Amino acid sequence: MSVLYFLVLVGVLVTIHEFGHFVAAKLLDFKVTRFSLGFGQPLVRVRGKETEYQLALFPLGGYVRILGEEHTDDISAADSHRAFGRKPLWQRLIVVFAGPAANFLLPVVIYFVAFAGHTELPAAVIGDVVAGSPAQQAGFEPGDVIVSVNGESVRYWEEVEVAVDGGAGKPLAFRLRRRGTELEREVVPVVYSFDRGDGERSNEGWIGITQAPYPPQVGVLDSDSPAGRAGFRTGDIIASIDGREVTTWTDLRRALAGQPRRLTVTFLRARKIDGLGIRLFDPNQASLVTEQELDADGKPHTVHGLYPIDRIVDRVAPDSPAARAGLRPGDLLTSIDGEPIHHWLTLERRLRSQPERPFAITWRRMGQSDEVASTITQVWHRGTDEYGHRINRLVFGAHPNFYRGHGKMIAIDGRMTYAISKSVERTLEAIEVMATGLGSVLRGKSPSEELGGPIMMFQVAAVSGRQGWESLFLMIALVSISVGLINLLPIPVLDGGLVLLFFVEAVSGKPLSNRVRDRITWVGLAVVGLITVLALRNDVVRYIM
């Protein structure tokens, strides 16, 4: 099947690029003498009215032959007005640009099909609010419907994210709907700066709201705590307290607050089914008696012994920064640089925003009352992803294991309009990212080892194909953009090289001589040959050696 996936990828890319040239030439009345998919010995050849169509032996490429492109072409008087060199410059430019344009249009079509299949999107409804966050301080609550941000109506969660990112560090006016009543809240997003992966950094805003609620799944650290004596275990999911449903961690935190008292708690406990690889959740009920203790400042607070499970370490990678600092599975993370850790996702945000600096992290260990403190500095590990691409991965080393929940969904208003706008937006974003990456390689800011050849394309096609046809065509969309960008490089024999020759001819006021054109073509072939050799060398090092 890997060979089939590879042939589909290459066949689609070659066909769409050459078809762009072909259609533009036909529409502008150029005489097309041959349309070839592949190079070398023809395998299949069909003769049309004036164009020869063929499938050749080597599928890595193709070409459209137009009368007059070669100075050896025999041009009759009847066809002279249809020869390539006799056409106006603007028409020749359209034909040349049509190939890369087709490569950029293909992703729009693929993304449109993907987005058109969506019927729902995450709604602009708050699933949960992080304790101590700007949103909690401003009075946001789980279940609030976000109606508008700074006067702009919002319907989907992605619109909220865009508004928060765009307003990072500035006051944002939120209009909320809560149980039929509309409220006004103002909040200033905290600014976090992240490495985009291309050496540049981008700012993101954060106010501490999530679309998916934090489920009330608990961790128990001390068997002698109220929760431990009541029989709770790490991984239990609270369903209700004193008959009142609990659906989020915020619900649970509120239900447990207040004066010490006896609570009737209904919860679910997972039970593994041997041989089937699944878990069933059995309902249970327990009596939890909360207690009162004094904190370091002598103020009383209620103690119950239940913690968010995502603050409890589930596994630690050997020889990682977390392992060297002494973290172990079962430890409860409590603070980072003196600030309380309320959820693992907020910890991740802090770690990602400053990857090079040391962090002072504290945690509690099961059965111990004193906190452990250590300084942890993340490290970069160089490796490869499933496609064989070299990547730098930031490693902390400690990982949680928790269920992230699902937020409210809402029907898309105007699916076709949404699909069109998102497909164009996604294509433009991909073009920007890939153009930046290609520019970095050409300027020497990124290693030339990132270039790949046919073996890399085979690997990419095989991995994507095994994930499903949708994944394969989404990968085709990205590779198509790459092909379009490469063909725009000002290298003779590529489309960009032809544009460069047209520019020279326009400036000089006369066409280049056949001798000069031949020399330029040989230079272009030499450059393309060097790039091909480098790509093949990278393929051998990456996948064979």
Protein backbone atom coordinates (compact mmCIF):
# COMPACT_ATOMS: atom_id res chain seq x y z
CA MET A 1 0.00 0.00 0.00
CA SER A 2 2.92 2.37 0.64
CA VAL A 3 3.77 2.30 -3.08
CA LEU A 4 0.15 3.13 -3.92
CA TYR A 5 0.13 6.08 -1.49
CA PHE A 6 3.39 7.34 -3.02
CA LEU A 7 2.04 7.07 -6.56
CA VAL A 8 -1.14 8.91 -5.54
CA LEU A 9 0.88 11.74 -3.94
CA VAL A 10 3.26 12.13 -6.87
CA GLY A 11 0.56 11.63 -9.48
CA VAL A 12 -1.74 14.27 -8.02
CA LEU A 13 1.08 16.82 -7.61
CA VAL A 14 2.52 16.34 -11.09
CA THR A 15 -0.88 16.31 -12.75
CA ILE A 16 -2.17 19.44 -11.02
CA HIS A 17 0.99 21.45 -11.73
CA GLU A 18 1.22 20.55 -15.40
CA PHE A 19 -2.53 20.82 -15.83
CA GLY A 20 -2.27 24.44 -14.67
CA HIS A 21 0.20 25.21 -17.45
CA PHE A 22 -1.88 23.21 -19.95
CA VAL A 23 -5.21 24.92 -19.21
CA ALA A 24 -3.69 28.41 -19.28
CA ALA A 25 -1.95 27.68 -22.59
CA LYS A 26 -5.12 26.32 -24.17
CA LEU A 27 -7.24 29.26 -22.96
CA LEU A 28 -4.74 31.76 -24.39
CA ASP A 29 -4.50 29.85 -27.71
CA PHE A 30 -0.92 28.61 -27.42
CA LYS A 31 -0.32 25.50 -29.49
CA VAL A 32 0.40 22.68 -27.02
CA THR A 33 2.24 19.85 -28.77
CA ARG A 34 2.69 17.48 -25.81
CA PHE A 35 1.31 16.93 -22.30
CA SER A 36 3.49 14.44 -20.40
CA LEU A 37 3.14 12.98 -16.92
CA GLY A 38 6.61 11.70 -16.11
CA PHE A 39 9.91 11.76 -17.96
CA GLY A 40 11.73 9.27 -20.15
CA GLN A 41 10.38 6.43 -22.25
CA PRO A 42 6.62 6.76 -22.87
CA LEU A 43 4.52 3.94 -21.43
CA VAL A 44 1.21 5.13 -22.85
CA ARG A 45 0.77 7.63 -25.67
CA VAL A 46 -2.47 9.03 -27.11
CA ARG A 47 -2.61 11.43 -30.03
CA GLY A 48 -5.24 14.17 -29.93
CA LYS A 49 -6.19 16.71 -32.56
CA GLU A 50 -2.98 18.69 -32.07
CA THR A 51 -1.64 17.56 -28.69
CA GLU A 52 0.10 14.32 -27.79
CA TYR A 53 -0.75 12.98 -24.32
CA GLN A 54 1.64 10.54 -22.66
CA LEU A 55 2.44 8.72 -19.44
CA ALA A 56 6.21 8.27 -19.14
CA LEU A 57 8.45 5.87 -17.22
CA PHE A 58 9.75 8.12 -14.43
CA PRO A 59 6.80 9.69 -12.53
CA LEU A 60 8.78 12.33 -10.57
CA GLY A 61 7.76 15.24 -12.74
CA GLY A 62 6.22 16.08 -16.08
CA TYR A 63 6.05 18.80 -18.67
CA VAL A 64 3.88 20.68 -21.14
CA ARG A 65 5.58 21.26 -24.50
CA ILE A 66 4.41 24.43 -26.31
CA LEU A 67 5.30 25.20 -29.88
CA GLY A 68 8.26 27.57 -30.05
CA GLU A 69 9.69 26.85 -26.57
CA GLU A 70 12.64 25.13 -28.23
CA HIS A 71 14.57 27.12 -30.88
CA THR A 72 14.74 23.94 -32.99
CA ASP A 73 10.94 23.79 -33.35
CA ASP A 74 9.64 23.95 -36.91
CA ILE A 75 7.02 26.68 -36.88
CA SER A 76 4.70 26.91 -39.86
CA ALA A 77 3.29 30.21 -41.03
CA ALA A 78 -0.22 29.09 -40.00
CA ASP A 79 0.90 28.43 -36.42
CA SER A 80 3.35 31.31 -35.98
CA HIS A 81 0.84 33.42 -34.01
CA ARG A 82 0.38 30.51 -31.59
CA ALA A 83 4.10 29.93 -30.88
CA PHE A 84 5.35 30.63 -27.37
CA GLY A 85 7.85 33.35 -28.29
CA ARG A 86 5.36 35.19 -30.50
CA LYS A 87 2.82 35.68 -27.74
CA PRO A 88 2.66 38.88 -25.64
CA LEU A 89 4.74 38.88 -22.46
CA TRP A 90 1.70 39.02 -20.17
CA GLN A 91 0.26 35.86 -21.75
CA ARG A 92 3.54 33.99 -21.38
CA LEU A 93 3.70 35.06 -17.71
CA ILE A 94 0.18 33.74 -17.12
CA VAL A 95 1.11 30.36 -18.60
CA VAL A 96 4.28 30.16 -16.50
CA PHE A 97 2.57 31.20 -13.27
CA ALA A 98 -0.40 28.87 -13.90
CA GLY A 99 1.58 25.81 -12.73
CA PRO A 100 2.48 27.15 -9.26
CA ALA A 101 -0.97 28.76 -9.06
CA ALA A 102 -2.54 25.33 -9.54
CA ASN A 103 -0.32 24.02 -6.72
CA PHE A 104 -1.66 26.79 -4.45
CA LEU A 105 -5.26 26.23 -5.57
CA LEU A 106 -5.20 22.49 -4.84
CA PRO A 107 -4.84 22.96 -1.04
CA VAL A 108 -7.80 25.36 -1.10
CA VAL A 109 -9.91 22.61 -2.70
CA ILE A 110 -8.66 19.92 -0.31
CA TYR A 111 -9.19 22.10 2.77
CA PHE A 112 -12.62 23.12 1.50
CA VAL A 113 -13.70 19.48 1.28
CA ALA A 114 -12.34 18.87 4.79
CA PHE A 115 -14.04 21.91 6.34
CA ALA A 116 -17.29 21.37 4.44
CA GLY A 117 -17.60 18.04 6.25
CA HIS A 118 -17.84 19.84 9.60
CA THR A 119 -21.36 20.42 10.90
CA GLU A 120 -20.48 21.69 14.39
CA LEU A 121 -17.81 23.78 16.08
CA PRO A 122 -16.89 24.36 19.73
CA ALA A 123 -19.29 26.99 21.03
CA ALA A 124 -18.31 30.22 22.77
CA VAL A 125 -19.38 28.74 26.10
CA ILE A 126 -17.01 28.63 29.07
CA GLY A 127 -16.37 25.07 30.20
CA ASP A 128 -14.30 25.96 33.25
CA VAL A 129 -12.42 28.81 34.90
CA VAL A 130 -8.91 28.36 36.30
CA ALA A 131 -8.62 29.26 39.98
CA GLY A 132 -6.64 32.45 40.56
CA SER A 133 -6.78 33.43 36.87
CA PRO A 134 -7.73 36.89 35.52
CA ALA A 135 -11.08 35.44 34.40
CA GLN A 136 -11.93 34.16 37.89
CA GLN A 137 -10.95 37.49 39.43
CA ALA A 138 -13.19 39.25 36.90
CA GLY A 139 -16.16 37.04 37.83
CA PHE A 140 -16.34 34.59 34.92
CA GLU A 141 -18.12 31.29 35.69
CA PRO A 142 -18.42 27.88 33.98
CA GLY A 143 -21.44 27.81 31.68
CA ASP A 144 -21.27 31.51 30.81
CA VAL A 145 -22.04 32.15 27.14
CA ILE A 146 -19.68 34.71 25.61
CA VAL A 147 -21.86 37.00 23.50
CA SER A 148 -19.28 39.57 22.39
CA VAL A 149 -15.71 40.76 22.95
CA ASN A 150 -15.04 44.51 22.65
CA GLY A 151 -18.40 44.90 20.94
CA GLU A 152 -17.71 42.23 18.29
CA SER A 153 -20.24 39.38 18.35
CA VAL A 154 -18.80 35.89 18.77
CA ARG A 155 -20.40 32.51 18.20
CA TYR A 156 -17.51 30.02 18.16
CA TRP A 157 -14.71 29.40 20.64
CA GLU A 158 -12.02 30.04 18.03
CA GLU A 159 -13.33 33.61 17.72
CA VAL A 160 -12.82 34.05 21.46
CA GLU A 161 -9.25 32.74 21.19
CA VAL A 162 -8.46 35.15 18.35
CA ALA A 163 -9.87 38.08 20.33
CA VAL A 164 -7.89 37.18 23.47
CA ASP A 165 -4.65 36.66 21.53
CA GLY A 166 -5.13 39.93 19.67
CA GLY A 167 -5.87 41.83 22.89
CA ALA A 168 -3.00 40.39 24.95
CA GLY A 169 -1.99 42.90 27.61
CA LYS A 170 -4.95 45.23 26.90
CA PRO A 171 -8.36 45.47 28.63
CA LEU A 172 -11.06 43.43 26.90
CA ALA A 173 -14.77 44.05 27.44
CA PHE A 174 -16.74 40.78 27.54
CA ARG A 175 -20.50 40.54 27.35
CA LEU A 176 -21.69 37.29 28.97
CA ARG A 177 -25.05 35.56 29.16
CA ARG A 178 -25.64 33.70 32.43
CA ARG A 179 -28.93 31.93 33.04
CA GLY A 180 -30.81 34.41 30.83
CA THR A 181 -29.12 37.55 32.20
CA GLU A 182 -26.48 39.50 30.29
CA LEU A 183 -23.44 40.73 32.20
CA GLU A 184 -20.44 42.96 31.42
CA ARG A 185 -16.97 41.89 32.52
CA GLU A 186 -13.57 43.45 31.80
CA VAL A 187 -10.36 41.44 31.90
CA VAL A 188 -6.74 41.97 30.82
CA PRO A 189 -5.18 38.88 29.17
CA VAL A 190 -1.79 37.80 30.50
CA VAL A 191 0.84 37.86 27.72
CA TYR A 192 2.82 34.67 27.05
CA SER A 193 5.52 34.52 24.39
CA PHE A 194 6.15 31.21 22.62
CA ASP A 195 8.74 29.93 20.18
CA ARG A 196 6.90 29.22 16.90
CA GLY A 197 9.48 26.61 15.90
CA ASP A 198 11.05 28.71 13.13
CA GLY A 199 13.27 30.79 15.41
CA GLU A 200 10.62 33.51 15.78
CA ARG A 201 8.40 34.12 18.80
CA SER A 202 4.73 35.01 18.92
CA ASN A 203 2.61 36.43 21.72
CA GLU A 204 -0.53 34.77 23.00
CA GLY A 205 -3.07 36.03 25.47
CA TRP A 206 -4.46 34.01 28.39
CA ILE A 207 -7.28 34.82 30.78
CA GLY A 208 -7.81 31.38 32.33
CA ILE A 209 -10.94 30.02 30.65
CA THR A 210 -11.28 26.70 28.85
CA GLN A 211 -13.84 25.48 26.35
CA ALA A 212 -13.66 21.91 27.68
CA PRO A 213 -14.41 21.68 31.39
CA TYR A 214 -11.90 20.26 33.85
CA PRO A 215 -13.69 17.05 34.90
CA PRO A 216 -13.97 16.49 38.66
CA GLN A 217 -11.46 13.62 38.57
CA VAL A 218 -9.52 13.55 41.82
CA GLY A 219 -6.19 12.52 43.21
CA VAL A 220 -5.61 11.39 46.80
CA LEU A 221 -2.20 11.95 48.32
CA ASP A 222 -2.61 10.89 51.95
CA SER A 223 -4.45 7.78 53.16
CA ASP A 224 -4.91 9.52 56.55
CA SER A 225 -6.63 12.57 55.03
CA PRO A 226 -10.44 12.90 55.13
CA ALA A 227 -10.61 11.65 51.53
CA GLY A 228 -8.23 8.77 52.25
CA ARG A 229 -10.22 7.64 55.32
CA ALA A 230 -13.43 7.84 53.27
CA GLY A 231 -11.94 5.37 50.79
CA PHE A 232 -11.30 7.65 47.80
CA ARG A 233 -8.49 6.76 45.38
CA THR A 234 -6.61 8.63 42.70
CA GLY A 235 -8.62 8.48 39.46
CA ASP A 236 -12.11 8.55 41.02
CA ILE A 237 -14.58 10.87 39.28
CA ILE A 238 -16.99 12.79 41.51
CA ALA A 239 -20.59 12.69 40.22
CA SER A 240 -22.57 14.44 42.96
CA ILE A 241 -22.32 15.86 46.48
CA ASP A 242 -25.36 15.74 48.75
CA GLY A 243 -27.49 14.95 45.71
CA ARG A 244 -26.30 17.95 43.67
CA GLU A 245 -24.65 17.13 40.33
CA VAL A 246 -20.95 17.94 39.94
CA THR A 247 -19.72 18.30 36.35
CA THR A 248 -16.57 20.44 36.57
CA TRP A 249 -13.68 20.95 38.94
CA THR A 250 -15.06 24.40 39.73
CA ASP A 251 -18.33 22.76 40.83
CA LEU A 252 -16.37 20.42 43.08
CA ARG A 253 -14.25 23.19 44.57
CA ARG A 254 -17.35 25.18 45.47
CA ALA A 255 -19.16 22.15 46.92
CA LEU A 256 -16.23 21.34 49.18
CA ALA A 257 -15.78 24.92 50.41
CA GLY A 258 -17.34 26.29 53.56
CA GLN A 259 -17.41 25.06 57.12
CA PRO A 260 -16.29 21.51 57.99
CA ARG A 261 -19.19 19.07 57.67
CA ARG A 262 -20.21 15.59 56.57
CA LEU A 263 -20.86 15.21 52.81
CA THR A 264 -22.48 12.35 50.93
CA VAL A 265 -20.42 11.88 47.78
CA THR A 266 -21.34 9.74 44.77
CA PHE A 267 -18.40 8.88 42.55
CA LEU A 268 -17.32 6.62 39.68
CA ARG A 269 -14.36 4.27 39.88
CA ALA A 270 -12.74 2.67 36.84
CA ARG A 271 -12.46 -1.11 36.61
CA LYS A 272 -10.27 -2.72 33.95
CA ILE A 273 -11.70 -5.57 31.90
CA ASP A 274 -8.85 -8.01 31.33
CA GLY A 275 -8.32 -9.10 27.75
CA LEU A 276 -10.55 -6.39 26.24
CA GLY A 277 -8.41 -3.34 26.94
CA ILE A 278 -11.38 -1.30 28.19
CA ARG A 279 -12.50 0.16 31.49
CA LEU A 280 -15.93 0.21 33.08
CA PHE A 281 -16.92 2.82 35.67
CA ASP A 282 -18.74 1.49 38.72
CA PRO A 283 -20.88 3.85 40.83
CA ASN A 284 -19.96 4.17 44.51
CA GLN A 285 -20.97 6.29 47.46
CA ALA A 286 -18.95 7.49 50.43
CA SER A 287 -19.30 9.79 53.43
CA LEU A 288 -16.63 12.51 53.43
CA VAL A 289 -16.07 14.45 56.64
CA THR A 290 -14.11 17.65 55.94
CA GLU A 291 -11.88 19.16 58.62
CA GLN A 292 -10.48 22.55 59.53
CA GLU A 293 -6.78 23.41 59.78
CA LEU A 294 -4.73 26.57 60.22
CA ASP A 295 -2.51 27.71 57.37
CA ALA A 296 0.96 29.27 57.69
CA ASP A 297 -0.62 32.66 58.48
CA GLY A 298 -2.81 31.18 61.21
CA LYS A 299 -5.99 31.43 59.17
CA PRO A 300 -8.44 28.50 59.25
CA HIS A 301 -9.24 26.64 56.04
CA THR A 302 -11.22 23.54 55.16
CA VAL A 303 -9.29 20.34 54.44
CA HIS A 304 -10.71 17.42 52.44
CA GLY A 305 -7.70 15.72 50.81
CA LEU A 306 -8.96 15.81 47.20
CA TYR A 307 -6.76 17.34 44.48
CA PRO A 308 -7.11 17.79 40.70
CA ILE A 309 -5.70 14.62 39.18
CA ASP A 310 -3.88 16.59 36.49
CA ARG A 311 -1.56 18.02 39.18
CA ILE A 312 -0.43 14.52 40.09
CA VAL A 313 2.51 13.08 38.18
CA ASP A 314 1.59 9.87 36.38
CA ARG A 315 4.97 9.02 34.83
CA VAL A 316 8.50 10.42 34.70
CA ALA A 317 10.83 9.89 31.74
CA PRO A 318 14.18 8.34 32.76
CA ASP A 319 17.15 10.73 32.86
CA SER A 320 14.89 13.72 32.16
CA PRO A 321 15.17 17.07 34.02
CA ALA A 322 12.17 16.07 36.16
CA ALA A 323 13.74 12.70 37.01
CA ARG A 324 17.09 14.30 37.91
CA ALA A 325 15.28 16.78 40.14
CA GLY A 326 13.68 13.89 42.06
CA LEU A 327 10.09 13.91 40.81
CA ARG A 328 8.34 10.55 40.98
CA PRO A 329 4.96 9.15 39.89
CA GLY A 330 2.33 10.04 42.47
CA ASP A 331 3.89 13.39 43.44
CA LEU A 332 1.53 16.38 43.65
CA LEU A 333 2.87 19.55 42.01
CA THR A 334 2.08 22.56 44.19
CA SER A 335 3.91 25.66 42.91
CA ILE A 336 6.19 27.11 40.25
CA ASP A 337 8.35 30.10 41.16
CA GLY A 338 6.22 30.58 44.26
CA GLU A 339 2.90 30.72 42.39
CA PRO A 340 0.33 27.97 43.05
CA ILE A 341 -0.20 25.39 40.29
CA HIS A 342 -3.95 24.95 39.80
CA HIS A 343 -3.88 22.79 36.66
CA TRP A 344 -1.25 21.05 34.54
CA LEU A 345 -2.18 23.05 31.45
CA THR A 346 -1.24 26.30 33.19
CA LEU A 347 2.06 24.72 34.21
CA GLU A 348 2.72 23.77 30.58
CA ARG A 349 2.05 27.34 29.47
CA ARG A 350 4.62 28.69 31.91
CA LEU A 351 7.21 26.11 30.90
CA ARG A 352 6.74 26.70 27.16
CA SER A 353 6.90 30.47 27.44
CA GLN A 354 10.42 30.48 28.92
CA PRO A 355 12.10 27.26 27.77
CA GLU A 356 15.68 28.23 28.61
CA ARG A 357 15.36 29.40 32.20
CA PRO A 358 15.38 27.38 35.46
CA PHE A 359 12.11 27.09 37.38
CA ALA A 360 11.72 26.63 41.12
CA ILE A 361 9.12 23.86 41.46
CA THR A 362 7.68 22.39 44.66
CA TRP A 363 5.68 19.23 45.19
CA ARG A 364 4.31 16.94 47.88
CA ARG A 365 4.97 13.23 48.08
CA MET A 366 2.44 10.61 49.09
CA GLY A 367 2.51 10.00 52.82
CA GLN A 368 4.73 13.03 53.53
CA SER A 369 3.56 16.34 54.97
CA ASP A 370 6.58 18.47 54.01
CA GLU A 371 6.99 19.88 50.52
CA VAL A 372 9.98 19.06 48.33
CA ALA A 373 11.60 21.86 46.32
CA SER A 374 14.00 21.74 43.40
CA THR A 375 15.14 23.82 40.44
CA ILE A 376 14.33 22.31 37.05
CA THR A 377 15.66 23.49 33.70
CA GLN A 378 14.12 21.99 30.59
CA VAL A 379 16.35 20.66 27.82
CA TRP A 380 16.02 20.41 24.05
CA HIS A 381 16.17 16.91 22.61
CA ARG A 382 16.86 16.51 18.91
CA GLY A 383 15.03 13.63 17.32
CA THR A 384 12.79 12.68 14.42
CA ASP A 385 9.05 12.61 14.01
CA GLU A 386 7.04 9.81 12.42
CA TYR A 387 7.80 11.25 8.97
CA GLY A 388 11.54 11.12 9.57
CA HIS A 389 11.89 14.91 9.88
CA ARG A 390 14.39 16.16 12.42
CA ILE A 391 12.70 18.08 15.22
CA ASN A 392 13.74 19.81 18.43
CA ARG A 393 11.54 18.78 21.34
CA LEU A 394 11.42 20.63 24.66
CA VAL A 395 11.62 18.10 27.49
CA PHE A 396 10.40 18.57 31.06
CA GLY A 397 10.05 14.87 31.73
CA ALA A 398 7.01 14.60 34.01
CA HIS A 399 3.58 13.76 32.56
CA PRO A 400 0.01 13.56 33.91
CA ASN A 401 -2.80 11.21 32.92
CA PHE A 402 -6.26 12.71 32.98
CA TYR A 403 -9.46 12.97 30.99
CA ARG A 404 -9.78 16.45 29.44
CA GLY A 405 -13.55 16.45 28.91
CA HIS A 406 -15.68 17.87 26.08
CA GLY A 407 -17.16 21.33 25.73
CA LYS A 408 -20.44 22.44 24.22
CA MET A 409 -20.74 22.24 20.42
CA ILE A 410 -22.88 24.43 18.17
CA ALA A 411 -24.09 24.11 14.55
CA ILE A 412 -22.07 26.05 11.98
CA ASP A 413 -23.97 29.05 10.65
CA GLY A 414 -23.39 29.04 6.86
CA ARG A 415 -21.29 25.92 6.34
CA MET A 416 -20.24 26.65 2.76
CA THR A 417 -19.16 30.22 3.53
CA TYR A 418 -17.30 28.95 6.56
CA ALA A 419 -15.59 26.21 4.53
CA ILE A 420 -14.50 28.64 1.80
CA SER A 421 -13.10 31.24 4.20
CA LYS A 422 -11.31 28.66 6.36
CA SER A 423 -9.81 26.84 3.37
CA VAL A 424 -8.35 30.07 1.98
CA GLU A 425 -7.16 31.11 5.44
CA ARG A 426 -5.50 27.74 6.10
CA THR A 427 -3.79 27.78 2.67
CA LEU A 428 -2.42 31.29 3.17
CA GLU A 429 -1.12 30.36 6.62
CA ALA A 430 0.63 27.28 5.21
CA ILE A 431 2.15 29.31 2.36
CA GLU A 432 3.51 31.86 4.84
CA VAL A 433 5.02 29.21 7.12
CA MET A 434 6.56 27.19 4.31
CA ALA A 435 7.88 30.25 2.48
CA THR A 436 9.54 31.39 5.72
CA GLY A 437 11.09 27.96 6.19
CA LEU A 438 12.33 27.78 2.60
CA GLY A 439 13.79 31.26 2.91
CA SER A 440 15.62 30.24 6.09
CA VAL A 441 17.22 27.29 4.27
CA LEU A 442 18.25 29.44 1.30
CA ARG A 443 19.75 32.10 3.59
CA GLY A 444 21.64 29.47 5.57
CA LYS A 445 19.70 30.12 8.80
CA SER A 446 18.29 26.59 8.72
CA PRO A 447 20.39 23.50 7.94
CA SER A 448 20.31 22.13 4.40
CA GLU A 449 19.63 18.71 5.96
CA GLU A 450 15.97 19.72 6.05
CA LEU A 451 15.79 19.23 2.27
CA GLY A 452 14.35 15.91 1.17
CA GLY A 453 14.08 13.89 -2.01
CA PRO A 454 12.03 10.98 -3.34
CA ILE A 455 12.72 8.74 -0.34
CA MET A 456 11.35 11.42 1.99
CA MET A 457 8.30 11.80 -0.25
CA PHE A 458 7.80 8.04 -0.14
CA GLN A 459 8.04 8.07 3.68
CA VAL A 460 5.65 11.01 3.98
CA ALA A 461 3.14 9.33 1.67
CA ALA A 462 3.39 5.98 3.46
CA VAL A 463 2.92 7.41 6.97
CA SER A 464 0.06 9.70 5.92
CA GLY A 465 -1.63 6.92 3.96
CA ARG A 466 -1.56 4.55 6.92
CA GLN A 467 -3.40 7.21 8.92
CA GLY A 468 -6.18 7.29 6.34
CA TRP A 469 -7.01 8.86 2.99
CA GLU A 470 -8.03 12.14 4.61
CA SER A 471 -4.61 12.43 6.22
CA LEU A 472 -2.92 11.60 2.91
CA PHE A 473 -4.75 14.34 1.01
CA LEU A 474 -4.08 16.88 3.76
CA MET A 475 -0.40 16.01 3.36
CA ILE A 476 -0.75 16.36 -0.43
CA ALA A 477 -2.04 19.89 0.21
CA LEU A 478 1.13 20.80 2.14
CA VAL A 479 3.50 19.17 -0.36
CA SER A 480 1.66 20.91 -3.20
CA ILE A 481 2.39 24.27 -1.60
CA SER A 482 6.04 23.28 -1.28
CA VAL A 483 6.17 22.31 -4.97
CA GLY A 484 4.59 25.62 -5.96
CA LEU A 485 7.09 27.64 -3.90
CA ILE A 486 10.10 25.72 -5.22
CA ASN A 487 8.96 26.23 -8.81
CA LEU A 488 8.89 29.99 -8.20
CA LEU A 489 12.61 30.08 -7.35
CA PRO A 490 14.54 32.14 -9.94
CA ILE A 491 16.47 29.14 -11.23
CA PRO A 492 16.54 28.47 -14.99
CA VAL A 493 14.45 25.41 -16.03
CA LEU A 494 12.05 26.21 -13.16
CA ASP A 495 9.04 28.48 -13.64
CA GLY A 496 10.67 31.24 -11.63
CA GLY A 497 13.72 31.03 -13.89
CA LEU A 498 11.55 31.61 -16.97
CA VAL A 499 10.07 34.68 -15.30
CA LEU A 500 13.61 35.93 -14.68
CA LEU A 501 14.47 35.46 -18.38
CA PHE A 502 11.30 37.34 -19.37
CA PHE A 503 12.35 40.19 -17.09
CA VAL A 504 15.81 40.33 -18.69
CA GLU A 505 14.24 40.36 -22.15
CA ALA A 506 11.82 43.13 -21.12
CA VAL A 507 14.67 45.27 -19.76
CA SER A 508 16.98 44.67 -22.76
CA GLY A 509 14.17 45.16 -25.25
CA LYS A 510 15.07 42.07 -27.28
CA PRO A 511 14.98 38.28 -26.81
CA LEU A 512 18.10 36.45 -25.70
CA SER A 513 20.06 34.59 -28.34
CA ASN A 514 19.67 30.84 -28.61
CA ARG A 515 23.28 30.38 -27.47
CA VAL A 516 22.75 32.43 -24.30
CA ARG A 517 19.46 30.66 -23.54
CA ASP A 518 21.15 27.27 -23.91
CA ARG A 519 23.93 28.26 -21.54
CA ILE A 520 21.48 29.58 -18.99
CA THR A 521 19.49 26.36 -19.28
CA TRP A 522 22.60 24.28 -18.61
CA VAL A 523 23.40 26.41 -15.56
CA GLY A 524 19.87 25.87 -14.30
CA LEU A 525 20.11 22.12 -14.86
CA ALA A 526 23.40 22.09 -12.94
CA VAL A 527 21.84 23.95 -9.99
CA VAL A 528 18.80 21.66 -9.95
CA GLY A 529 21.15 18.67 -10.20
CA LEU A 530 23.15 19.86 -7.18
CA ILE A 531 19.96 20.36 -5.18
CA THR A 532 18.76 16.89 -6.21
CA VAL A 533 22.06 15.30 -5.18
CA LEU A 534 21.92 17.09 -1.81
CA ALA A 535 18.31 15.96 -1.27
CA LEU A 536 19.20 12.35 -2.15
CA ARG A 537 22.19 12.49 0.19
CA ASN A 538 19.90 13.72 2.99
CA ASP A 539 17.46 10.89 2.21
CA VAL A 540 20.22 8.29 2.47
CA VAL A 541 21.51 9.71 5.77
CA ARG A 542 18.01 10.09 7.20
CA TYR A 543 16.43 6.77 6.21
CA ILE A 544 19.16 4.30 5.27
CA MET A 545 22.37 4.95 7.20
